[in-house]
Amino acid sequence: MATETAQEWAARLSAADVEAIFHKALGGHDMRGVVYALRLLATKDPHRAQELLDLIQVGVKLREGA
């Protein structure tokens, strides 16, 4: 039996699966995981990926006191 590639595995994920990965990475302060999840989500649900990115940007600005 052939080993599944990362691309094949990612292709099987739904947008909801990827968003769950995003939230897990965010909760674990894994910024690399957050970026990878957003990039993958952008291929599956670009609108939702943009919403999450916008929320992160707002949170950063609020934390900085801007």
PDB file of N, CA and C in Angstrom:
ATOM      1  N   MET A   1       0.842  -1.183   0.000  1.00  0.00           N
ATOM      2  CA  MET A   1       0.000   0.000   0.000  1.00  0.00           C
ATOM      3  C   MET A   1       0.887   1.247   0.000  1.00  0.00           C
ATOM      4  N   ALA A   2       0.593   2.166  -0.906  1.00  0.00           N
ATOM      5  CA  ALA A   2       1.388   3.389  -1.034  1.00  0.00           C
ATOM      6  C   ALA A   2       1.072   4.352   0.107  1.00  0.00           C
ATOM      7  N   THR A   3       2.062   5.103   0.483  1.00  0.00           N
ATOM      8  CA  THR A   3       1.893   6.101   1.525  1.00  0.00           C
ATOM      9  C   THR A   3       1.238   7.345   0.931  1.00  0.00           C
ATOM     10  N   GLU A   4       0.289   7.883   1.638  1.00  0.00           N
ATOM     11  CA  GLU A   4      -0.413   9.080   1.198  1.00  0.00           C
ATOM     12  C   GLU A   4       0.503  10.295   1.331  1.00  0.00           C
ATOM     13  N   THR A   5       0.524  11.143   0.315  1.00  0.00           N
ATOM     14  CA  THR A   5       1.339  12.354   0.377  1.00  0.00           C
ATOM     15  C   THR A   5       0.605  13.434   1.170  1.00  0.00           C
ATOM     16  N   ALA A   6       1.341  14.442   1.574  1.00  0.00           N
ATOM     17  CA  ALA A   6       0.736  15.561   2.291  1.00  0.00           C
ATOM     18  C   ALA A   6      -0.319  16.246   1.430  1.00  0.00           C
ATOM     19  N   GLN A   7      -0.072  16.348   0.139  1.00  0.00           N
ATOM     20  CA  GLN A   7      -1.028  16.985  -0.767  1.00  0.00           C
ATOM     21  C   GLN A   7      -2.314  16.168  -0.871  1.00  0.00           C
ATOM     22  N   GLU A   8      -2.184  14.861  -0.925  1.00  0.00           N
ATOM     23  CA  GLU A   8      -3.367  13.998  -0.984  1.00  0.00           C
ATOM     24  C   GLU A   8      -4.177  14.094   0.307  1.00  0.00           C
ATOM     25  N   TRP A   9      -3.485  14.106   1.423  1.00  0.00           N
ATOM     26  CA  TRP A   9      -4.149  14.236   2.715  1.00  0.00           C
ATOM     27  C   TRP A   9      -4.883  15.568   2.796  1.00  0.00           C
ATOM     28  N   ALA A  10      -4.213  16.651   2.404  1.00  0.00           N
ATOM     29  CA  ALA A  10      -4.812  17.981   2.460  1.00  0.00           C
ATOM     30  C   ALA A  10      -6.022  18.087   1.537  1.00  0.00           C
ATOM     31  N   ALA A  11      -5.964  17.430   0.406  1.00  0.00           N
ATOM     32  CA  ALA A  11      -7.079  17.482  -0.545  1.00  0.00           C
ATOM     33  C   ALA A  11      -8.333  16.838   0.029  1.00  0.00           C
ATOM     34  N   ARG A  12      -8.178  15.888   0.924  1.00  0.00           N
ATOM     35  CA  ARG A  12      -9.324  15.203   1.520  1.00  0.00           C
ATOM     36  C   ARG A  12      -9.994  16.018   2.624  1.00  0.00           C
ATOM     37  N   LEU A  13      -9.306  17.022   3.141  1.00  0.00           N
ATOM     38  CA  LEU A  13      -9.854  17.814   4.240  1.00  0.00           C
ATOM     39  C   LEU A  13     -10.946  18.752   3.745  1.00  0.00           C
ATOM     40  N   SER A  14     -11.966  18.923   4.548  1.00  0.00           N
ATOM     41  CA  SER A  14     -12.996  19.909   4.235  1.00  0.00           C
ATOM     42  C   SER A  14     -12.560  21.269   4.787  1.00  0.00           C
ATOM     43  N   ALA A  15     -13.263  22.302   4.384  1.00  0.00           N
ATOM     44  CA  ALA A  15     -12.973  23.638   4.920  1.00  0.00           C
ATOM     45  C   ALA A  15     -13.158  23.641   6.438  1.00  0.00           C
ATOM     46  N   ALA A  16     -14.171  22.930   6.920  1.00  0.00           N
ATOM     47  CA  ALA A  16     -14.403  22.850   8.369  1.00  0.00           C
ATOM     48  C   ALA A  16     -13.250  22.148   9.078  1.00  0.00           C
ATOM     49  N   ASP A  17     -12.700  21.110   8.452  1.00  0.00           N
ATOM     50  CA  ASP A  17     -11.533  20.420   9.025  1.00  0.00           C
ATOM     51  C   ASP A  17     -10.357  21.381   9.148  1.00  0.00           C
ATOM     52  N   VAL A  18     -10.129  22.136   8.091  1.00  0.00           N
ATOM     53  CA  VAL A  18      -8.994  23.063   8.078  1.00  0.00           C
ATOM     54  C   VAL A  18      -9.202  24.173   9.098  1.00  0.00           C
ATOM     55  N   GLU A  19     -10.443  24.658   9.216  1.00  0.00           N
ATOM     56  CA  GLU A  19     -10.703  25.703  10.211  1.00  0.00           C
ATOM     57  C   GLU A  19     -10.463  25.161  11.624  1.00  0.00           C
ATOM     58  N   ALA A  20     -10.817  23.913  11.867  1.00  0.00           N
ATOM     59  CA  ALA A  20     -10.557  23.304  13.177  1.00  0.00           C
ATOM     60  C   ALA A  20      -9.051  23.236  13.445  1.00  0.00           C
ATOM     61  N   ILE A  21      -8.275  22.917  12.427  1.00  0.00           N
ATOM     62  CA  ILE A  21      -6.815  22.900  12.560  1.00  0.00           C
ATOM     63  C   ILE A  21      -6.307  24.303  12.871  1.00  0.00           C
ATOM     64  N   PHE A  22      -6.863  25.289  12.178  1.00  0.00           N
ATOM     65  CA  PHE A  22      -6.498  26.687  12.420  1.00  0.00           C
ATOM     66  C   PHE A  22      -6.712  27.062  13.882  1.00  0.00           C
ATOM     67  N   HIS A  23      -7.907  26.750  14.408  1.00  0.00           N
ATOM     68  CA  HIS A  23      -8.218  27.118  15.792  1.00  0.00           C
ATOM     69  C   HIS A  23      -7.328  26.372  16.788  1.00  0.00           C
ATOM     70  N   LYS A  24      -7.016  25.129  16.499  1.00  0.00           N
ATOM     71  CA  LYS A  24      -6.121  24.358  17.367  1.00  0.00           C
ATOM     72  C   LYS A  24      -4.729  24.992  17.368  1.00  0.00           C
ATOM     73  N   ALA A  25      -4.253  25.368  16.191  1.00  0.00           N
ATOM     74  CA  ALA A  25      -2.928  26.007  16.089  1.00  0.00           C
ATOM     75  C   ALA A  25      -2.932  27.351  16.805  1.00  0.00           C
ATOM     76  N   LEU A  26      -3.985  28.123  16.617  1.00  0.00           N
ATOM     77  CA  LEU A  26      -4.079  29.432  17.270  1.00  0.00           C
ATOM     78  C   LEU A  26      -4.088  29.279  18.782  1.00  0.00           C
ATOM     79  N   GLY A  27      -4.874  28.340  19.280  1.00  0.00           N
ATOM     80  CA  GLY A  27      -4.936  28.098  20.721  1.00  0.00           C
ATOM     81  C   GLY A  27      -3.620  27.613  21.297  1.00  0.00           C
ATOM     82  N   GLY A  28      -2.835  26.940  20.464  1.00  0.00           N
ATOM     83  CA  GLY A  28      -1.533  26.450  20.900  1.00  0.00           C
ATOM     84  C   GLY A  28      -0.395  27.418  20.613  1.00  0.00           C
ATOM     85  N   HIS A  29      -0.739  28.620  20.169  1.00  0.00           N
ATOM     86  CA  HIS A  29       0.257  29.645  19.840  1.00  0.00           C
ATOM     87  C   HIS A  29       1.255  29.155  18.798  1.00  0.00           C
ATOM     88  N   ASP A  30       0.771  28.324  17.896  1.00  0.00           N
ATOM     89  CA  ASP A  30       1.606  27.774  16.815  1.00  0.00           C
ATOM     90  C   ASP A  30       1.379  28.632  15.566  1.00  0.00           C
ATOM     91  N   MET A  31       2.133  29.703  15.452  1.00  0.00           N
ATOM     92  CA  MET A  31       1.905  30.647  14.366  1.00  0.00           C
ATOM     93  C   MET A  31       2.204  30.046  12.996  1.00  0.00           C
ATOM     94  N   ARG A  32       3.156  29.156  12.934  1.00  0.00           N
ATOM     95  CA  ARG A  32       3.430  28.479  11.656  1.00  0.00           C
ATOM     96  C   ARG A  32       2.218  27.638  11.248  1.00  0.00           C
ATOM     97  N   GLY A  33       1.617  26.956  12.206  1.00  0.00           N
ATOM     98  CA  GLY A  33       0.414  26.178  11.929  1.00  0.00           C
ATOM     99  C   GLY A  33      -0.755  27.058  11.511  1.00  0.00           C
ATOM    100  N   VAL A  34      -0.873  28.227  12.136  1.00  0.00           N
ATOM    101  CA  VAL A  34      -1.925  29.180  11.771  1.00  0.00           C
ATOM    102  C   VAL A  34      -1.755  29.606  10.318  1.00  0.00           C
ATOM    103  N   VAL A  35      -0.539  29.952   9.949  1.00  0.00           N
ATOM    104  CA  VAL A  35      -0.272  30.393   8.573  1.00  0.00           C
ATOM    105  C   VAL A  35      -0.562  29.277   7.587  1.00  0.00           C
ATOM    106  N   TYR A  36      -0.085  28.088   7.861  1.00  0.00           N
ATOM    107  CA  TYR A  36      -0.329  26.956   6.952  1.00  0.00           C
ATOM    108  C   TYR A  36      -1.823  26.666   6.825  1.00  0.00           C
ATOM    109  N   ALA A  37      -2.547  26.710   7.940  1.00  0.00           N
ATOM    110  CA  ALA A  37      -3.985  26.451   7.903  1.00  0.00           C
ATOM    111  C   ALA A  37      -4.711  27.526   7.093  1.00  0.00           C
ATOM    112  N   LEU A  38      -4.321  28.786   7.272  1.00  0.00           N
ATOM    113  CA  LEU A  38      -4.948  29.857   6.493  1.00  0.00           C
ATOM    114  C   LEU A  38      -4.669  29.700   5.003  1.00  0.00           C
ATOM    115  N   ARG A  39      -3.444  29.329   4.671  1.00  0.00           N
ATOM    116  CA  ARG A  39      -3.109  29.121   3.257  1.00  0.00           C
ATOM    117  C   ARG A  39      -3.928  27.991   2.662  1.00  0.00           C
ATOM    118  N   LEU A  40      -4.074  26.919   3.402  1.00  0.00           N
ATOM    119  CA  LEU A  40      -4.863  25.790   2.908  1.00  0.00           C
ATOM    120  C   LEU A  40      -6.344  26.157   2.849  1.00  0.00           C
ATOM    121  N   LEU A  41      -6.825  26.852   3.864  1.00  0.00           N
ATOM    122  CA  LEU A  41      -8.225  27.264   3.867  1.00  0.00           C
ATOM    123  C   LEU A  41      -8.527  28.194   2.697  1.00  0.00           C
ATOM    124  N   ALA A  42      -7.563  29.012   2.313  1.00  0.00           N
ATOM    125  CA  ALA A  42      -7.759  29.932   1.187  1.00  0.00           C
ATOM    126  C   ALA A  42      -8.046  29.183  -0.113  1.00  0.00           C
ATOM    127  N   THR A  43      -7.580  27.952  -0.226  1.00  0.00           N
ATOM    128  CA  THR A  43      -7.857  27.169  -1.438  1.00  0.00           C
ATOM    129  C   THR A  43      -9.223  26.510  -1.382  1.00  0.00           C
ATOM    130  N   LYS A  44      -9.775  26.387  -0.183  1.00  0.00           N
ATOM    131  CA  LYS A  44     -11.048  25.691  -0.009  1.00  0.00           C
ATOM    132  C   LYS A  44     -12.206  26.659   0.216  1.00  0.00           C
ATOM    133  N   ASP A  45     -11.953  27.727   0.958  1.00  0.00           N
ATOM    134  CA  ASP A  45     -12.981  28.726   1.262  1.00  0.00           C
ATOM    135  C   ASP A  45     -12.288  30.079   1.435  1.00  0.00           C
ATOM    136  N   PRO A  46     -11.973  30.742   0.321  1.00  0.00           N
ATOM    137  CA  PRO A  46     -11.216  31.998   0.382  1.00  0.00           C
ATOM    138  C   PRO A  46     -11.883  33.071   1.244  1.00  0.00           C
ATOM    139  N   HIS A  47     -13.202  33.154   1.207  1.00  0.00           N
ATOM    140  CA  HIS A  47     -13.916  34.164   1.988  1.00  0.00           C
ATOM    141  C   HIS A  47     -13.697  33.940   3.489  1.00  0.00           C
ATOM    142  N   ARG A  48     -13.832  32.711   3.938  1.00  0.00           N
ATOM    143  CA  ARG A  48     -13.640  32.412   5.367  1.00  0.00           C
ATOM    144  C   ARG A  48     -12.186  32.629   5.780  1.00  0.00           C
ATOM    145  N   ALA A  49     -11.246  32.263   4.927  1.00  0.00           N
ATOM    146  CA  ALA A  49      -9.833  32.493   5.237  1.00  0.00           C
ATOM    147  C   ALA A  49      -9.573  33.986   5.415  1.00  0.00           C
ATOM    148  N   GLN A  50     -10.175  34.809   4.556  1.00  0.00           N
ATOM    149  CA  GLN A  50      -9.994  36.259   4.676  1.00  0.00           C
ATOM    150  C   GLN A  50     -10.634  36.787   5.950  1.00  0.00           C
ATOM    151  N   GLU A  51     -11.796  36.268   6.311  1.00  0.00           N
ATOM    152  CA  GLU A  51     -12.443  36.674   7.563  1.00  0.00           C
ATOM    153  C   GLU A  51     -11.544  36.383   8.764  1.00  0.00           C
ATOM    154  N   LEU A  52     -10.970  35.189   8.801  1.00  0.00           N
ATOM    155  CA  LEU A  52     -10.098  34.822   9.925  1.00  0.00           C
ATOM    156  C   LEU A  52      -8.847  35.682   9.958  1.00  0.00           C
ATOM    157  N   LEU A  53      -8.276  35.950   8.796  1.00  0.00           N
ATOM    158  CA  LEU A  53      -7.095  36.812   8.732  1.00  0.00           C
ATOM    159  C   LEU A  53      -7.443  38.222   9.219  1.00  0.00           C
ATOM    160  N   ASP A  54      -8.584  38.740   8.801  1.00  0.00           N
ATOM    161  CA  ASP A  54      -9.018  40.064   9.250  1.00  0.00           C
ATOM    162  C   ASP A  54      -9.185  40.103  10.762  1.00  0.00           C
ATOM    163  N   LEU A  55      -9.759  39.047  11.335  1.00  0.00           N
ATOM    164  CA  LEU A  55      -9.933  38.990  12.784  1.00  0.00           C
ATOM    165  C   LEU A  55      -8.593  38.994  13.514  1.00  0.00           C
ATOM    166  N   ILE A  56      -7.642  38.270  12.980  1.00  0.00           N
ATOM    167  CA  ILE A  56      -6.307  38.256  13.586  1.00  0.00           C
ATOM    168  C   ILE A  56      -5.695  39.651  13.542  1.00  0.00           C
ATOM    169  N   GLN A  57      -5.834  40.321  12.404  1.00  0.00           N
ATOM    170  CA  GLN A  57      -5.265  41.658  12.262  1.00  0.00           C
ATOM    171  C   GLN A  57      -5.906  42.639  13.237  1.00  0.00           C
ATOM    172  N   VAL A  58      -7.212  42.548  13.425  1.00  0.00           N
ATOM    173  CA  VAL A  58      -7.900  43.403  14.388  1.00  0.00           C
ATOM    174  C   VAL A  58      -7.396  43.104  15.801  1.00  0.00           C
ATOM    175  N   GLY A  59      -7.269  41.826  16.119  1.00  0.00           N
ATOM    176  CA  GLY A  59      -6.774  41.447  17.449  1.00  0.00           C
ATOM    177  C   GLY A  59      -5.377  41.971  17.713  1.00  0.00           C
ATOM    178  N   VAL A  60      -4.523  41.917  16.720  1.00  0.00           N
ATOM    179  CA  VAL A  60      -3.155  42.424  16.873  1.00  0.00           C
ATOM    180  C   VAL A  60      -3.186  43.929  17.117  1.00  0.00           C
ATOM    181  N   LYS A  61      -3.997  44.645  16.345  1.00  0.00           N
ATOM    182  CA  LYS A  61      -4.092  46.101  16.513  1.00  0.00           C
ATOM    183  C   LYS A  61      -4.642  46.465  17.880  1.00  0.00           C
ATOM    184  N   LEU A  62      -5.643  45.731  18.352  1.00  0.00           N
ATOM    185  CA  LEU A  62      -6.187  45.993  19.676  1.00  0.00           C
ATOM    186  C   LEU A  62      -5.140  45.741  20.755  1.00  0.00           C
ATOM    187  N   ARG A  63      -4.380  44.681  20.582  1.00  0.00           N
ATOM    188  CA  ARG A  63      -3.342  44.366  21.573  1.00  0.00           C
ATOM    189  C   ARG A  63      -2.248  45.418  21.599  1.00  0.00           C
ATOM    190  N   GLU A  64      -1.944  45.959  20.431  1.00  0.00           N
ATOM    191  CA  GLU A  64      -0.922  47.003  20.341  1.00  0.00           C
ATOM    192  C   GLU A  64      -1.434  48.346  20.819  1.00  0.00           C
ATOM    193  N   GLY A  65      -2.746  48.447  21.005  1.00  0.00           N
ATOM    194  CA  GLY A  65      -3.327  49.710  21.473  1.00  0.00           C
ATOM    195  C   GLY A  65      -3.560  50.718  20.368  1.00  0.00           C
ATOM    196  N   ALA A  66      -3.615  50.243  19.130  1.00  0.00           N
ATOM    197  CA  ALA A  66      -3.802  51.170  18.013  1.00  0.00           C
ATOM    198  C   ALA A  66      -5.249  51.555  17.848  1.00  0.00           C
TER     199      ALA A  66
END
